[in-house]
């Protein structure tokens, strides 16, 4: 049978395997010890073997695609469904319900579409325009904290500080709750969120951990942290429900739209509301904080880019310490820089789909029930469409670039019908935080830092981003 499975895919290019039984897994593990994640290896392989390859995870074939043409076929033309086998590792972690049937992991297309339709207004530009005040309030807390150590000498890990900031932003803007992650280093929410992400990643990376008795204490810690997040979410939801029943005015935030979903469908159970609460923190906080951390690193290594950003911020904001909605469109070069950071360092480095039926990709017949990996990291550096793909160059996204950079070339928020619902939220958040950060401080990287990737479901800078700050 195993020989039959391997023969089914023998016509598709594939790098040499370490062994028939373990496939490419041993090689990937060796490369991780050398500081390279799988997506960096995929670039090496696709440059050598072409834009479509078969990766063998033991005896499970996964077809990786990196060319925009094939990416479009997978996500748009065929609109391939998400792999239930992959996404169940997000739904349940060590048998503990985590994201469950949240909008990211809902397996039923019709149920997902209904939920997406009801939640779309919460993330529409018109709604986010009215939430600029809480965006700014949280930024001010970050500025106040960093001002205390802006002596040009004290080292600070901005990756950690930005992670705390984005956590507080989602809490306040999406759910009208104060998590105090910025002010209180001991608040349990950041560590529980991070622990949950790590637990999800370990399910992918080390599937045998769940039956390893030596890993039982670790599993129990992850389960405890997920329970904390879910219990916290349930309390927030019940508190808002009670306030609405009393006729109190509530913000038109994500939580309000979640509860409106219940009004439309009284059969929505509490656990599914909690699924979405956890999903928005898991999917939204880490991705934006990593985008900001990578951007700070790149700006720190490119003084000319930093100067242009500072000039633009001074021109748009002047001495005003509140970022208005109208300012966001004027911060054009800052937007270009954020996009280039998303291209070079996408926080979500890939998506998985599967083929219910046999399809064709790149001239190759792909059997039914095949796992397909859209490698965003490799697509964003695909030499067939990007000039000097490894160079950080915000000018790629200058005026007129929308005509040349397609949604299948640049897809940090995915593409097709299941494009990330929080795209606009993330863009608002990133611009407000970066504008205030560089308005207030001169930021210098601590010398000697090398950018390495750490894959914990999302892609983050390994070891953080150490900086010193000076007040402007």
Foldseek 3Di string as FASTA:
>chain_A
DLVVLCVQCVVFAEDDAPDQQQFNLVVQVVVVVVQAHPLVVVLVVCVPRNQWYWGQRRSATAIEGQALVQQCCPCAVVVFAADLVLLVLQQAFLNAGFLNCALVRNRDVVVNVLLCVLQLVQQDPVQVLVQLVLLLVLLVLLLVLQVVFQPQPDKDFLLQLLLLSLLQSCCCQAQNDGQCVNPDVPRLLVVLLLLLLLSSLCCVSPVCLSVDPVCVVSSVVNSVSSVVLLVVQLVSLVVVVVCVVVVHDDRSHSSVSLVVSCVVPVPDDSSNSSSNSSVCSNVPSSQLSQLLQLLLVVCQVPVVLLVVQLVQLCVQQPPNSRDHPVSLVSSVLLLLSSQLSCLQFQQQQKGKGAACAWDDGPNDIDHHGHIYIHGSNSLSQPVVQDDVSNDRDSCCPPPPNPVRQDCSSRPSQRDHPPRNSNPSVSSSSNSSNVSNVSNFWDKHFDPDDDFGWDPSSTTHGPPGTMIHIHTD
